[in-house]
Amino acid sequence: MSQPPKIDPLAPAAQRDTALTMDSAGLVIEWSDDAEAIFGWSSADAIGRRLSELIIPERLRSMHEAGLKRFMAGGPGTVLNRAIEIAAIDRDGREFTVEVHITPEKTAHELRFATSVRKL
């Protein structure tokens, strides 16, 4: 069994705290209080829903879904294991910029994506 990639120790501490986790199907499986504060969705509202429908602006959703599908088929993870700035939306549809650091983690049963989020 392979080990999950390590998070960059030089990343700011705020980036290393996981705010949310998505499974390989694109569904939210973990949602922190920090994610609730940033995006306005409670964990009860977010868990089990498609991440792309909760926090990704509509114009970017197809790109997110295609990237996930490509990665799960063995393609490159162009946004993984590094900090990126990208547009996000909150529960009310307000758009803002976030810095995210997405780390794939292989567990005994699945591949999941732990994501640190910082509102800019």
PDB file of N, CA and C in Angstrom:
ATOM      1  N   MET A   1       0.848  -1.176   0.000  1.00  0.00           N
ATOM      2  CA  MET A   1       0.000   0.000   0.000  1.00  0.00           C
ATOM      3  C   MET A   1       0.890   1.234   0.000  1.00  0.00           C
ATOM      4  N   SER A   2       0.610   2.179  -0.911  1.00  0.00           N
ATOM      5  CA  SER A   2       1.429   3.382  -0.979  1.00  0.00           C
ATOM      6  C   SER A   2       1.024   4.370   0.105  1.00  0.00           C
ATOM      7  N   GLN A   3       1.969   5.187   0.491  1.00  0.00           N
ATOM      8  CA  GLN A   3       1.736   6.202   1.513  1.00  0.00           C
ATOM      9  C   GLN A   3       1.167   7.453   0.867  1.00  0.00           C
ATOM     10  N   PRO A   4       0.300   8.193   1.578  1.00  0.00           N
ATOM     11  CA  PRO A   4      -0.202   9.440   1.008  1.00  0.00           C
ATOM     12  C   PRO A   4       0.944  10.443   0.867  1.00  0.00           C
ATOM     13  N   PRO A   5       0.845  11.325  -0.136  1.00  0.00           N
ATOM     14  CA  PRO A   5       1.883  12.334  -0.288  1.00  0.00           C
ATOM     15  C   PRO A   5       1.972  13.199   0.957  1.00  0.00           C
ATOM     16  N   LYS A   6       3.158  13.659   1.259  1.00  0.00           N
ATOM     17  CA  LYS A   6       3.343  14.542   2.408  1.00  0.00           C
ATOM     18  C   LYS A   6       3.022  15.968   2.021  1.00  0.00           C
ATOM     19  N   ILE A   7       2.484  16.715   2.974  1.00  0.00           N
ATOM     20  CA  ILE A   7       2.192  18.132   2.748  1.00  0.00           C
ATOM     21  C   ILE A   7       3.488  18.906   2.880  1.00  0.00           C
ATOM     22  N   ASP A   8       3.663  19.873   2.027  1.00  0.00           N
ATOM     23  CA  ASP A   8       4.855  20.713   2.022  1.00  0.00           C
ATOM     24  C   ASP A   8       5.038  21.362   3.389  1.00  0.00           C
ATOM     25  N   PRO A   9       6.138  21.063   4.094  1.00  0.00           N
ATOM     26  CA  PRO A   9       6.347  21.647   5.422  1.00  0.00           C
ATOM     27  C   PRO A   9       6.606  23.142   5.368  1.00  0.00           C
ATOM     28  N   LEU A  10       6.905  23.685   4.196  1.00  0.00           N
ATOM     29  CA  LEU A  10       7.134  25.116   4.066  1.00  0.00           C
ATOM     30  C   LEU A  10       5.844  25.893   3.815  1.00  0.00           C
ATOM     31  N   ALA A  11       4.736  25.184   3.585  1.00  0.00           N
ATOM     32  CA  ALA A  11       3.461  25.870   3.377  1.00  0.00           C
ATOM     33  C   ALA A  11       3.046  26.549   4.678  1.00  0.00           C
ATOM     34  N   PRO A  12       2.388  27.711   4.589  1.00  0.00           N
ATOM     35  CA  PRO A  12       1.908  28.376   5.807  1.00  0.00           C
ATOM     36  C   PRO A  12       1.025  27.443   6.620  1.00  0.00           C
ATOM     37  N   ALA A  13       1.072  27.595   7.938  1.00  0.00           N
ATOM     38  CA  ALA A  13       0.319  26.697   8.816  1.00  0.00           C
ATOM     39  C   ALA A  13      -1.155  26.670   8.464  1.00  0.00           C
ATOM     40  N   ALA A  14      -1.733  27.796   8.074  1.00  0.00           N
ATOM     41  CA  ALA A  14      -3.158  27.833   7.750  1.00  0.00           C
ATOM     42  C   ALA A  14      -3.483  26.934   6.570  1.00  0.00           C
ATOM     43  N   GLN A  15      -2.541  26.746   5.655  1.00  0.00           N
ATOM     44  CA  GLN A  15      -2.774  25.891   4.505  1.00  0.00           C
ATOM     45  C   GLN A  15      -2.731  24.423   4.873  1.00  0.00           C
ATOM     46  N   ARG A  16      -2.047  24.069   5.946  1.00  0.00           N
ATOM     47  CA  ARG A  16      -1.888  22.664   6.283  1.00  0.00           C
ATOM     48  C   ARG A  16      -3.061  22.109   7.067  1.00  0.00           C
ATOM     49  N   ASP A  17      -3.974  22.961   7.509  1.00  0.00           N
ATOM     50  CA  ASP A  17      -5.141  22.503   8.242  1.00  0.00           C
ATOM     51  C   ASP A  17      -6.242  22.167   7.246  1.00  0.00           C
ATOM     52  N   THR A  18      -6.648  20.928   7.216  1.00  0.00           N
ATOM     53  CA  THR A  18      -7.648  20.500   6.252  1.00  0.00           C
ATOM     54  C   THR A  18      -8.995  21.114   6.581  1.00  0.00           C
ATOM     55  N   ALA A  19      -9.564  21.769   5.588  1.00  0.00           N
ATOM     56  CA  ALA A  19     -10.877  22.381   5.754  1.00  0.00           C
ATOM     57  C   ALA A  19     -11.983  21.461   5.257  1.00  0.00           C
ATOM     58  N   LEU A  20     -11.664  20.658   4.224  1.00  0.00           N
ATOM     59  CA  LEU A  20     -12.672  19.771   3.663  1.00  0.00           C
ATOM     60  C   LEU A  20     -11.994  18.612   2.956  1.00  0.00           C
ATOM     61  N   THR A  21     -12.746  17.540   2.792  1.00  0.00           N
ATOM     62  CA  THR A  21     -12.236  16.370   2.083  1.00  0.00           C
ATOM     63  C   THR A  21     -13.307  15.885   1.123  1.00  0.00           C
ATOM     64  N   MET A  22     -12.857  15.568  -0.093  1.00  0.00           N
ATOM     65  CA  MET A  22     -13.727  15.079  -1.155  1.00  0.00           C
ATOM     66  C   MET A  22     -13.312  13.646  -1.486  1.00  0.00           C
ATOM     67  N   ASP A  23     -14.288  12.790  -1.795  1.00  0.00           N
ATOM     68  CA  ASP A  23     -13.934  11.434  -2.210  1.00  0.00           C
ATOM     69  C   ASP A  23     -13.669  11.396  -3.716  1.00  0.00           C
ATOM     70  N   SER A  24     -13.332  10.238  -4.223  1.00  0.00           N
ATOM     71  CA  SER A  24     -12.959  10.118  -5.635  1.00  0.00           C
ATOM     72  C   SER A  24     -14.137  10.314  -6.583  1.00  0.00           C
ATOM     73  N   ALA A  25     -15.351  10.313  -6.065  1.00  0.00           N
ATOM     74  CA  ALA A  25     -16.541  10.576  -6.882  1.00  0.00           C
ATOM     75  C   ALA A  25     -16.908  12.055  -6.883  1.00  0.00           C
ATOM     76  N   GLY A  26     -16.157  12.871  -6.117  1.00  0.00           N
ATOM     77  CA  GLY A  26     -16.442  14.304  -6.065  1.00  0.00           C
ATOM     78  C   GLY A  26     -17.396  14.715  -4.962  1.00  0.00           C
ATOM     79  N   LEU A  27     -17.690  13.788  -4.036  1.00  0.00           N
ATOM     80  CA  LEU A  27     -18.614  14.088  -2.941  1.00  0.00           C
ATOM     81  C   LEU A  27     -17.858  14.511  -1.691  1.00  0.00           C
ATOM     82  N   VAL A  28     -18.424  15.454  -0.956  1.00  0.00           N
ATOM     83  CA  VAL A  28     -17.833  15.911   0.296  1.00  0.00           C
ATOM     84  C   VAL A  28     -17.995  14.823   1.346  1.00  0.00           C
ATOM     85  N   ILE A  29     -16.877  14.459   1.995  1.00  0.00           N
ATOM     86  CA  ILE A  29     -16.943  13.452   3.059  1.00  0.00           C
ATOM     87  C   ILE A  29     -16.505  14.013   4.410  1.00  0.00           C
ATOM     88  N   GLU A  30     -15.847  15.176   4.399  1.00  0.00           N
ATOM     89  CA  GLU A  30     -15.492  15.877   5.641  1.00  0.00           C
ATOM     90  C   GLU A  30     -15.631  17.366   5.383  1.00  0.00           C
ATOM     91  N   TRP A  31     -16.101  18.089   6.396  1.00  0.00           N
ATOM     92  CA  TRP A  31     -16.341  19.531   6.267  1.00  0.00           C
ATOM     93  C   TRP A  31     -16.102  20.145   7.642  1.00  0.00           C
ATOM     94  N   SER A  32     -15.102  20.985   7.757  1.00  0.00           N
ATOM     95  CA  SER A  32     -14.724  21.542   9.054  1.00  0.00           C
ATOM     96  C   SER A  32     -15.499  22.819   9.380  1.00  0.00           C
ATOM     97  N   ASP A  33     -15.342  23.251  10.615  1.00  0.00           N
ATOM     98  CA  ASP A  33     -15.914  24.533  11.025  1.00  0.00           C
ATOM     99  C   ASP A  33     -15.325  25.668  10.199  1.00  0.00           C
ATOM    100  N   ASP A  34     -14.043  25.551   9.835  1.00  0.00           N
ATOM    101  CA  ASP A  34     -13.415  26.575   8.991  1.00  0.00           C
ATOM    102  C   ASP A  34     -14.088  26.628   7.623  1.00  0.00           C
ATOM    103  N   ALA A  35     -14.399  25.473   7.045  1.00  0.00           N
ATOM    104  CA  ALA A  35     -15.092  25.439   5.755  1.00  0.00           C
ATOM    105  C   ALA A  35     -16.463  26.089   5.886  1.00  0.00           C
ATOM    106  N   GLU A  36     -17.136  25.822   6.986  1.00  0.00           N
ATOM    107  CA  GLU A  36     -18.446  26.444   7.211  1.00  0.00           C
ATOM    108  C   GLU A  36     -18.316  27.962   7.283  1.00  0.00           C
ATOM    109  N   ALA A  37     -17.290  28.454   7.980  1.00  0.00           N
ATOM    110  CA  ALA A  37     -17.102  29.896   8.103  1.00  0.00           C
ATOM    111  C   ALA A  37     -16.788  30.547   6.751  1.00  0.00           C
ATOM    112  N   ILE A  38     -16.026  29.858   5.921  1.00  0.00           N
ATOM    113  CA  ILE A  38     -15.637  30.412   4.624  1.00  0.00           C
ATOM    114  C   ILE A  38     -16.783  30.344   3.620  1.00  0.00           C
ATOM    115  N   PHE A  39     -17.468  29.200   3.551  1.00  0.00           N
ATOM    116  CA  PHE A  39     -18.431  28.961   2.481  1.00  0.00           C
ATOM    117  C   PHE A  39     -19.896  29.070   2.909  1.00  0.00           C
ATOM    118  N   GLY A  40     -20.175  29.076   4.213  1.00  0.00           N
ATOM    119  CA  GLY A  40     -21.540  29.260   4.679  1.00  0.00           C
ATOM    120  C   GLY A  40     -22.394  28.006   4.734  1.00  0.00           C
ATOM    121  N   TRP A  41     -21.844  26.867   4.378  1.00  0.00           N
ATOM    122  CA  TRP A  41     -22.572  25.595   4.441  1.00  0.00           C
ATOM    123  C   TRP A  41     -22.210  24.880   5.732  1.00  0.00           C
ATOM    124  N   SER A  42     -23.186  24.356   6.457  1.00  0.00           N
ATOM    125  CA  SER A  42     -22.891  23.544   7.634  1.00  0.00           C
ATOM    126  C   SER A  42     -22.395  22.182   7.164  1.00  0.00           C
ATOM    127  N   SER A  43     -21.758  21.440   8.048  1.00  0.00           N
ATOM    128  CA  SER A  43     -21.303  20.102   7.665  1.00  0.00           C
ATOM    129  C   SER A  43     -22.500  19.221   7.317  1.00  0.00           C
ATOM    130  N   ALA A  44     -23.616  19.394   8.019  1.00  0.00           N
ATOM    131  CA  ALA A  44     -24.811  18.599   7.722  1.00  0.00           C
ATOM    132  C   ALA A  44     -25.323  18.883   6.311  1.00  0.00           C
ATOM    133  N   ASP A  45     -25.195  20.125   5.862  1.00  0.00           N
ATOM    134  CA  ASP A  45     -25.634  20.494   4.516  1.00  0.00           C
ATOM    135  C   ASP A  45     -24.635  20.063   3.447  1.00  0.00           C
ATOM    136  N   ALA A  46     -23.345  20.049   3.774  1.00  0.00           N
ATOM    137  CA  ALA A  46     -22.303  19.821   2.773  1.00  0.00           C
ATOM    138  C   ALA A  46     -21.969  18.346   2.550  1.00  0.00           C
ATOM    139  N   ILE A  47     -21.893  17.571   3.622  1.00  0.00           N
ATOM    140  CA  ILE A  47     -21.459  16.177   3.501  1.00  0.00           C
ATOM    141  C   ILE A  47     -22.443  15.385   2.645  1.00  0.00           C
ATOM    142  N   GLY A  48     -21.875  14.682   1.664  1.00  0.00           N
ATOM    143  CA  GLY A  48     -22.672  13.880   0.756  1.00  0.00           C
ATOM    144  C   GLY A  48     -23.047  14.595  -0.532  1.00  0.00           C
ATOM    145  N   ARG A  49     -22.769  15.890  -0.615  1.00  0.00           N
ATOM    146  CA  ARG A  49     -23.082  16.656  -1.833  1.00  0.00           C
ATOM    147  C   ARG A  49     -21.841  16.796  -2.702  1.00  0.00           C
ATOM    148  N   ARG A  50     -22.054  17.084  -3.983  1.00  0.00           N
ATOM    149  CA  ARG A  50     -20.933  17.312  -4.904  1.00  0.00           C
ATOM    150  C   ARG A  50     -20.230  18.597  -4.508  1.00  0.00           C
ATOM    151  N   LEU A  51     -18.924  18.493  -4.312  1.00  0.00           N
ATOM    152  CA  LEU A  51     -18.139  19.667  -3.949  1.00  0.00           C
ATOM    153  C   LEU A  51     -18.283  20.758  -4.997  1.00  0.00           C
ATOM    154  N   SER A  52     -18.270  20.368  -6.261  1.00  0.00           N
ATOM    155  CA  SER A  52     -18.332  21.357  -7.339  1.00  0.00           C
ATOM    156  C   SER A  52     -19.610  22.190  -7.271  1.00  0.00           C
ATOM    157  N   GLU A  53     -20.695  21.630  -6.809  1.00  0.00           N
ATOM    158  CA  GLU A  53     -21.960  22.364  -6.719  1.00  0.00           C
ATOM    159  C   GLU A  53     -22.003  23.292  -5.518  1.00  0.00           C
ATOM    160  N   LEU A  54     -21.153  23.048  -4.536  1.00  0.00           N
ATOM    161  CA  LEU A  54     -21.161  23.866  -3.321  1.00  0.00           C
ATOM    162  C   LEU A  54     -20.256  25.089  -3.414  1.00  0.00           C
ATOM    163  N   ILE A  55     -19.037  24.904  -3.932  1.00  0.00           N
ATOM    164  CA  ILE A  55     -18.053  25.985  -3.795  1.00  0.00           C
ATOM    165  C   ILE A  55     -17.389  26.431  -5.090  1.00  0.00           C
ATOM    166  N   ILE A  56     -17.688  25.781  -6.193  1.00  0.00           N
ATOM    167  CA  ILE A  56     -17.027  26.125  -7.457  1.00  0.00           C
ATOM    168  C   ILE A  56     -17.999  26.906  -8.329  1.00  0.00           C
ATOM    169  N   PRO A  57     -17.579  28.085  -8.801  1.00  0.00           N
ATOM    170  CA  PRO A  57     -18.466  28.855  -9.684  1.00  0.00           C
ATOM    171  C   PRO A  57     -18.889  28.021 -10.896  1.00  0.00           C
ATOM    172  N   GLU A  58     -20.105  28.233 -11.345  1.00  0.00           N
ATOM    173  CA  GLU A  58     -20.664  27.415 -12.420  1.00  0.00           C
ATOM    174  C   GLU A  58     -19.765  27.364 -13.650  1.00  0.00           C
ATOM    175  N   ARG A  59     -19.128  28.476 -13.990  1.00  0.00           N
ATOM    176  CA  ARG A  59     -18.296  28.528 -15.200  1.00  0.00           C
ATOM    177  C   ARG A  59     -17.051  27.639 -15.091  1.00  0.00           C
ATOM    178  N   LEU A  60     -16.684  27.222 -13.858  1.00  0.00           N
ATOM    179  CA  LEU A  60     -15.486  26.400 -13.641  1.00  0.00           C
ATOM    180  C   LEU A  60     -15.808  24.944 -13.312  1.00  0.00           C
ATOM    181  N   ARG A  61     -17.068  24.622 -13.122  1.00  0.00           N
ATOM    182  CA  ARG A  61     -17.442  23.270 -12.669  1.00  0.00           C
ATOM    183  C   ARG A  61     -17.048  22.188 -13.653  1.00  0.00           C
ATOM    184  N   SER A  62     -17.278  22.407 -14.935  1.00  0.00           N
ATOM    185  CA  SER A  62     -16.962  21.360 -15.909  1.00  0.00           C
ATOM    186  C   SER A  62     -15.456  21.099 -15.939  1.00  0.00           C
ATOM    187  N   MET A  63     -14.656  22.134 -15.747  1.00  0.00           N
ATOM    188  CA  MET A  63     -13.207  21.968 -15.707  1.00  0.00           C
ATOM    189  C   MET A  63     -12.803  21.129 -14.487  1.00  0.00           C
ATOM    190  N   HIS A  64     -13.424  21.392 -13.338  1.00  0.00           N
ATOM    191  CA  HIS A  64     -13.155  20.611 -12.124  1.00  0.00           C
ATOM    192  C   HIS A  64     -13.541  19.146 -12.335  1.00  0.00           C
ATOM    193  N   GLU A  65     -14.733  18.919 -12.856  1.00  0.00           N
ATOM    194  CA  GLU A  65     -15.220  17.548 -13.061  1.00  0.00           C
ATOM    195  C   GLU A  65     -14.336  16.801 -14.064  1.00  0.00           C
ATOM    196  N   ALA A  66     -13.928  17.480 -15.138  1.00  0.00           N
ATOM    197  CA  ALA A  66     -13.065  16.843 -16.141  1.00  0.00           C
ATOM    198  C   ALA A  66     -11.698  16.512 -15.548  1.00  0.00           C
ATOM    199  N   GLY A  67     -11.155  17.410 -14.718  1.00  0.00           N
ATOM    200  CA  GLY A  67      -9.863  17.161 -14.082  1.00  0.00           C
ATOM    201  C   GLY A  67      -9.915  15.974 -13.135  1.00  0.00           C
ATOM    202  N   LEU A  68     -10.983  15.866 -12.365  1.00  0.00           N
ATOM    203  CA  LEU A  68     -11.144  14.734 -11.454  1.00  0.00           C
ATOM    204  C   LEU A  68     -11.260  13.430 -12.253  1.00  0.00           C
ATOM    205  N   LYS A  69     -12.068  13.446 -13.297  1.00  0.00           N
ATOM    206  CA  LYS A  69     -12.238  12.251 -14.126  1.00  0.00           C
ATOM    207  C   LYS A  69     -10.916  11.830 -14.768  1.00  0.00           C
ATOM    208  N   ARG A  70     -10.160  12.808 -15.273  1.00  0.00           N
ATOM    209  CA  ARG A  70      -8.870  12.526 -15.918  1.00  0.00           C
ATOM    210  C   ARG A  70      -7.888  11.935 -14.906  1.00  0.00           C
ATOM    211  N   PHE A  71      -7.836  12.515 -13.697  1.00  0.00           N
ATOM    212  CA  PHE A  71      -6.926  12.012 -12.662  1.00  0.00           C
ATOM    213  C   PHE A  71      -7.299  10.590 -12.249  1.00  0.00           C
ATOM    214  N   MET A  72      -8.587  10.324 -12.078  1.00  0.00           N
ATOM    215  CA  MET A  72      -9.024   8.995 -11.660  1.00  0.00           C
ATOM    216  C   MET A  72      -8.770   7.954 -12.749  1.00  0.00           C
ATOM    217  N   ALA A  73      -8.625   8.401 -13.992  1.00  0.00           N
ATOM    218  CA  ALA A  73      -8.310   7.488 -15.099  1.00  0.00           C
ATOM    219  C   ALA A  73      -6.799   7.332 -15.289  1.00  0.00           C
ATOM    220  N   GLY A  74      -6.016   7.927 -14.388  1.00  0.00           N
ATOM    221  CA  GLY A  74      -4.567   7.771 -14.444  1.00  0.00           C
ATOM    222  C   GLY A  74      -3.821   8.956 -15.024  1.00  0.00           C
ATOM    223  N   GLY A  75      -4.536  10.025 -15.311  1.00  0.00           N
ATOM    224  CA  GLY A  75      -3.901  11.212 -15.868  1.00  0.00           C
ATOM    225  C   GLY A  75      -3.229  12.055 -14.800  1.00  0.00           C
ATOM    226  N   PRO A  76      -2.634  13.166 -15.212  1.00  0.00           N
ATOM    227  CA  PRO A  76      -1.909  14.025 -14.276  1.00  0.00           C
ATOM    228  C   PRO A  76      -2.852  14.786 -13.348  1.00  0.00           C
ATOM    229  N   GLY A  77      -2.366  15.079 -12.170  1.00  0.00           N
ATOM    230  CA  GLY A  77      -3.083  15.910 -11.211  1.00  0.00           C
ATOM    231  C   GLY A  77      -2.465  17.298 -11.196  1.00  0.00           C
ATOM    232  N   THR A  78      -2.860  18.115 -12.131  1.00  0.00           N
ATOM    233  CA  THR A  78      -2.169  19.395 -12.342  1.00  0.00           C
ATOM    234  C   THR A  78      -2.355  20.394 -11.205  1.00  0.00           C
ATOM    235  N   VAL A  79      -3.370  20.224 -10.366  1.00  0.00           N
ATOM    236  CA  VAL A  79      -3.584  21.166  -9.261  1.00  0.00           C
ATOM    237  C   VAL A  79      -3.271  20.546  -7.900  1.00  0.00           C
ATOM    238  N   LEU A  80      -2.720  19.343  -7.893  1.00  0.00           N
ATOM    239  CA  LEU A  80      -2.483  18.637  -6.635  1.00  0.00           C
ATOM    240  C   LEU A  80      -1.116  18.948  -6.047  1.00  0.00           C
ATOM    241  N   ASN A  81      -1.052  18.859  -4.716  1.00  0.00           N
ATOM    242  CA  ASN A  81       0.208  18.975  -3.963  1.00  0.00           C
ATOM    243  C   ASN A  81       0.914  20.312  -4.144  1.00  0.00           C
ATOM    244  N   ARG A  82       0.151  21.354  -4.366  1.00  0.00           N
ATOM    245  CA  ARG A  82       0.718  22.708  -4.440  1.00  0.00           C
ATOM    246  C   ARG A  82      -0.389  23.708  -4.155  1.00  0.00           C
ATOM    247  N   ALA A  83       0.002  24.879  -3.736  1.00  0.00           N
ATOM    248  CA  ALA A  83      -0.974  25.931  -3.477  1.00  0.00           C
ATOM    249  C   ALA A  83      -1.361  26.589  -4.794  1.00  0.00           C
ATOM    250  N   ILE A  84      -2.671  26.780  -4.985  1.00  0.00           N
ATOM    251  CA  ILE A  84      -3.166  27.492  -6.157  1.00  0.00           C
ATOM    252  C   ILE A  84      -4.210  28.512  -5.712  1.00  0.00           C
ATOM    253  N   GLU A  85      -4.332  29.588  -6.457  1.00  0.00           N
ATOM    254  CA  GLU A  85      -5.384  30.567  -6.233  1.00  0.00           C
ATOM    255  C   GLU A  85      -6.467  30.325  -7.269  1.00  0.00           C
ATOM    256  N   ILE A  86      -7.718  30.318  -6.794  1.00  0.00           N
ATOM    257  CA  ILE A  86      -8.836  30.019  -7.689  1.00  0.00           C
ATOM    258  C   ILE A  86     -10.094  30.697  -7.149  1.00  0.00           C
ATOM    259  N   ALA A  87     -11.058  30.918  -8.047  1.00  0.00           N
ATOM    260  CA  ALA A  87     -12.337  31.495  -7.648  1.00  0.00           C
ATOM    261  C   ALA A  87     -13.173  30.442  -6.929  1.00  0.00           C
ATOM    262  N   ALA A  88     -13.928  30.892  -5.929  1.00  0.00           N
ATOM    263  CA  ALA A  88     -14.851  30.031  -5.196  1.00  0.00           C
ATOM    264  C   ALA A  88     -16.135  30.823  -4.961  1.00  0.00           C
ATOM    265  N   ILE A  89     -17.175  30.114  -4.537  1.00  0.00           N
ATOM    266  CA  ILE A  89     -18.424  30.784  -4.176  1.00  0.00           C
ATOM    267  C   ILE A  89     -18.868  30.311  -2.802  1.00  0.00           C
ATOM    268  N   ASP A  90     -19.625  31.168  -2.135  1.00  0.00           N
ATOM    269  CA  ASP A  90     -20.198  30.770  -0.855  1.00  0.00           C
ATOM    270  C   ASP A  90     -21.653  30.345  -1.073  1.00  0.00           C
ATOM    271  N   ARG A  91     -22.316  30.030   0.002  1.00  0.00           N
ATOM    272  CA  ARG A  91     -23.689  29.523  -0.066  1.00  0.00           C
ATOM    273  C   ARG A  91     -24.635  30.500  -0.761  1.00  0.00           C
ATOM    274  N   ASP A  92     -24.343  31.791  -0.638  1.00  0.00           N
ATOM    275  CA  ASP A  92     -25.189  32.815  -1.249  1.00  0.00           C
ATOM    276  C   ASP A  92     -24.789  33.133  -2.683  1.00  0.00           C
ATOM    277  N   GLY A  93     -23.788  32.418  -3.220  1.00  0.00           N
ATOM    278  CA  GLY A  93     -23.367  32.632  -4.599  1.00  0.00           C
ATOM    279  C   GLY A  93     -22.365  33.754  -4.780  1.00  0.00           C
ATOM    280  N   ARG A  94     -21.899  34.347  -3.676  1.00  0.00           N
ATOM    281  CA  ARG A  94     -20.887  35.406  -3.770  1.00  0.00           C
ATOM    282  C   ARG A  94     -19.557  34.780  -4.151  1.00  0.00           C
ATOM    283  N   GLU A  95     -18.888  35.382  -5.108  1.00  0.00           N
ATOM    284  CA  GLU A  95     -17.606  34.858  -5.580  1.00  0.00           C
ATOM    285  C   GLU A  95     -16.457  35.592  -4.911  1.00  0.00           C
ATOM    286  N   PHE A  96     -15.406  34.850  -4.612  1.00  0.00           N
ATOM    287  CA  PHE A  96     -14.199  35.397  -3.999  1.00  0.00           C
ATOM    288  C   PHE A  96     -13.036  34.487  -4.340  1.00  0.00           C
ATOM    289  N   THR A  97     -11.837  34.940  -4.047  1.00  0.00           N
ATOM    290  CA  THR A  97     -10.638  34.158  -4.357  1.00  0.00           C
ATOM    291  C   THR A  97     -10.183  33.408  -3.117  1.00  0.00           C
ATOM    292  N   VAL A  98      -9.796  32.156  -3.320  1.00  0.00           N
ATOM    293  CA  VAL A  98      -9.240  31.339  -2.250  1.00  0.00           C
ATOM    294  C   VAL A  98      -7.906  30.761  -2.706  1.00  0.00           C
ATOM    295  N   GLU A  99      -7.088  30.444  -1.731  1.00  0.00           N
ATOM    296  CA  GLU A  99      -5.882  29.664  -1.988  1.00  0.00           C
ATOM    297  C   GLU A  99      -6.177  28.278  -1.449  1.00  0.00           C
ATOM    298  N   VAL A 100      -5.993  27.264  -2.286  1.00  0.00           N
ATOM    299  CA  VAL A 100      -6.245  25.888  -1.867  1.00  0.00           C
ATOM    300  C   VAL A 100      -4.991  25.049  -2.054  1.00  0.00           C
ATOM    301  N   HIS A 101      -4.878  24.051  -1.234  1.00  0.00           N
ATOM    302  CA  HIS A 101      -3.809  23.067  -1.341  1.00  0.00           C
ATOM    303  C   HIS A 101      -4.495  21.714  -1.242  1.00  0.00           C
ATOM    304  N   ILE A 102      -4.516  20.979  -2.347  1.00  0.00           N
ATOM    305  CA  ILE A 102      -5.238  19.707  -2.436  1.00  0.00           C
ATOM    306  C   ILE A 102      -4.233  18.562  -2.385  1.00  0.00           C
ATOM    307  N   THR A 103      -4.419  17.680  -1.419  1.00  0.00           N
ATOM    308  CA  THR A 103      -3.518  16.554  -1.231  1.00  0.00           C
ATOM    309  C   THR A 103      -4.283  15.245  -1.389  1.00  0.00           C
ATOM    310  N   PRO A 104      -3.936  14.431  -2.384  1.00  0.00           N
ATOM    311  CA  PRO A 104      -4.587  13.120  -2.494  1.00  0.00           C
ATOM    312  C   PRO A 104      -4.097  12.206  -1.373  1.00  0.00           C
ATOM    313  N   GLU A 105      -5.022  11.466  -0.800  1.00  0.00           N
ATOM    314  CA  GLU A 105      -4.690  10.535   0.287  1.00  0.00           C
ATOM    315  C   GLU A 105      -5.300   9.180  -0.039  1.00  0.00           C
ATOM    316  N   LYS A 106      -4.482   8.160  -0.075  1.00  0.00           N
ATOM    317  CA  LYS A 106      -4.984   6.804  -0.323  1.00  0.00           C
ATOM    318  C   LYS A 106      -5.198   6.128   1.022  1.00  0.00           C
ATOM    319  N   THR A 107      -6.426   5.712   1.263  1.00  0.00           N
ATOM    320  CA  THR A 107      -6.735   4.955   2.472  1.00  0.00           C
ATOM    321  C   THR A 107      -6.864   3.482   2.075  1.00  0.00           C
ATOM    322  N   ALA A 108      -7.188   2.657   3.025  1.00  0.00           N
ATOM    323  CA  ALA A 108      -7.357   1.228   2.735  1.00  0.00           C
ATOM    324  C   ALA A 108      -8.519   0.985   1.773  1.00  0.00           C
ATOM    325  N   HIS A 109      -9.484   1.915   1.744  1.00  0.00           N
ATOM    326  CA  HIS A 109     -10.696   1.682   0.965  1.00  0.00           C
ATOM    327  C   HIS A 109     -10.915   2.658  -0.185  1.00  0.00           C
ATOM    328  N   GLU A 110     -10.200   3.779  -0.198  1.00  0.00           N
ATOM    329  CA  GLU A 110     -10.509   4.776  -1.212  1.00  0.00           C
ATOM    330  C   GLU A 110      -9.370   5.777  -1.403  1.00  0.00           C
ATOM    331  N   LEU A 111      -9.510   6.548  -2.449  1.00  0.00           N
ATOM    332  CA  LEU A 111      -8.659   7.708  -2.661  1.00  0.00           C
ATOM    333  C   LEU A 111      -9.511   8.919  -2.348  1.00  0.00           C
ATOM    334  N   ARG A 112      -8.982   9.805  -1.556  1.00  0.00           N
ATOM    335  CA  ARG A 112      -9.705  11.007  -1.168  1.00  0.00           C
ATOM    336  C   ARG A 112      -8.798  12.207  -1.324  1.00  0.00           C
ATOM    337  N   PHE A 113      -9.371  13.384  -1.303  1.00  0.00           N
ATOM    338  CA  PHE A 113      -8.625  14.608  -1.539  1.00  0.00           C
ATOM    339  C   PHE A 113      -8.845  15.572  -0.381  1.00  0.00           C
ATOM    340  N   ALA A 114      -7.828  15.690   0.473  1.00  0.00           N
ATOM    341  CA  ALA A 114      -7.874  16.609   1.611  1.00  0.00           C
ATOM    342  C   ALA A 114      -7.489  17.998   1.095  1.00  0.00           C
ATOM    343  N   THR A 115      -8.287  18.994   1.450  1.00  0.00           N
ATOM    344  CA  THR A 115      -8.093  20.327   0.897  1.00  0.00           C
ATOM    345  C   THR A 115      -8.024  21.362   2.002  1.00  0.00           C
ATOM    346  N   SER A 116      -6.942  22.108   1.991  1.00  0.00           N
ATOM    347  CA  SER A 116      -6.785  23.260   2.876  1.00  0.00           C
ATOM    348  C   SER A 116      -7.249  24.473   2.091  1.00  0.00           C
ATOM    349  N   VAL A 117      -7.938  25.374   2.759  1.00  0.00           N
ATOM    350  CA  VAL A 117      -8.499  26.546   2.089  1.00  0.00           C
ATOM    351  C   VAL A 117      -8.174  27.795   2.896  1.00  0.00           C
ATOM    352  N   ARG A 118      -7.776  28.827   2.193  1.00  0.00           N
ATOM    353  CA  ARG A 118      -7.562  30.133   2.827  1.00  0.00           C
ATOM    354  C   ARG A 118      -8.207  31.181   1.946  1.00  0.00           C
ATOM    355  N   LYS A 119      -9.144  31.930   2.517  1.00  0.00           N
ATOM    356  CA  LYS A 119      -9.793  33.012   1.774  1.00  0.00           C
ATOM    357  C   LYS A 119      -8.820  34.167   1.634  1.00  0.00           C
ATOM    358  N   LEU A 120      -8.684  34.683   0.437  1.00  0.00           N
ATOM    359  CA  LEU A 120      -7.751  35.787   0.181  1.00  0.00           C
ATOM    360  C   LEU A 120      -8.475  37.111   0.169  1.00  0.00           C
TER     361      LEU A 120
END
